[in-house]
Amino acid sequence: GPHTTSMEKTAIILLLLSCCYMVSSEKLVLTVAYCPTYFSSHGAFVEIDTDTGNYTILQTFKWPSDVASEGCGGPALDDPSVTYDPVANKLYLDFINEFGLLAKLDVSSGQITVSHSSDPFFTGFTNMAYVGSNEIKGCTPTVTENGFCSDGCFGFGQMQTITGKYDRNSVLPFKAAMDDSHYYDSSSDIFYVQASYDLREPKDRCAPEDTDLCLLQVDSTTGDLKSSLYTDWAAYKYSPKKNDDGTILAFIEGFPELCKHPYGNFLFATVDLEKAHATPISCIPLDVTIQEDEWISSFSSDNSMFATASGDGDSGEAQLLIFKHGESAFSTVIENKLPNLGKELRSVKGIYWIWGIDFISQ
């Protein structure tokens, strides 16, 4: 073949190393709850091979008594909100059923620390983002003595993860909001989340019907509602970062005339957050059905992959789906029911619950 200089060889080696580094810079990890006995609850980190869907149990750990207060029955009642700190490689789980108890998990060591809110009226975040400096911001159900929130609405505030100190900045005039589905823009300090049941006067409401969703822009410093725009789609997961043109990749449900799926019109789309406008990219294949918990999902940092998972505590059967981006669409799908995971964890009757799925920094 043609002669290759030493400089060209060096460039090729660096390119290969760069490619390898990019491939291995993240790993896909499930956060799982399971029951060694009927009276105890443990957790596990499970790594997923994104090429095959096969799994490896990285480590198991015992949940603190606060999380497992009801033995094996406790986890079945919980659906914690989850946020990830990629810098410190820590997962935060907020348990609404435990009055906002916050568990911090070190993904590398499995070490768990727990903090309780100092506010007796804090019930936990339904949407939350780790914003740095040991602080989490997000939405939480609340109620006020008078006004539009006297029968319940959502508050916006922040919590210090070390002390548990919570401060509510504002109340938002909406009675329902999407769970674990939001985008926090650190450059503008804006928190985006969809909500419904607008409590404002009819002339000021953003949607035609109470059940319709609106995309809210919340100033996460003051808690002020900057805008609320009607959407005819529901977003279940946003990419961790915006595209170069300011839009963002998202996994949504909507566009039934396009997707025509018999069990849920899920698709990938680019979303203009300022205009609350979604542009479809590709629907999930008609022969793929998401069983449940579509919000338990995650994009890789380079947007080349999307994964969603759910665990059925009744049957012990789970579902893992990995979508890989081809030339123009998320066309490649890997599915695994993880049939032996509960048995390998030595869980009672093989049952377990998937609480999170994240692309974790290595």
Foldseek 3Di string as FASTA:
>chain_A
DDDDDPVNVVVVVVVVVVVVCVVQQWWKWFWWWFALDQAAIKIWIWTADLVARDIDTPDIGGDPCLQCVRGRVRVVPWQWQWEADQVQQWIWTFTLVSQGKIWIARPVPRDIDIEAAPDNQRRHFQEWYDLDPQKIWGKGKGADVDDLRPVIFIFIWMARNPHNYIDTQGTAQAHFWHGNEWAADNVQQKIKTKGFQGSDDPVPDADPDRPWIWIWIANNVRRDTPDTHTDQKAFLYWANDADPVQWTKTWIWHDCVPQVAPATFIFIWTANSVHRDTGTQGTADNVDHDDDDQSQKYADNVRQKIKHKWFDQPQLWIKIWMFGDDPGGSHDIHIDRPNCPLVVVSGVVSGMTTNHIYTHGD
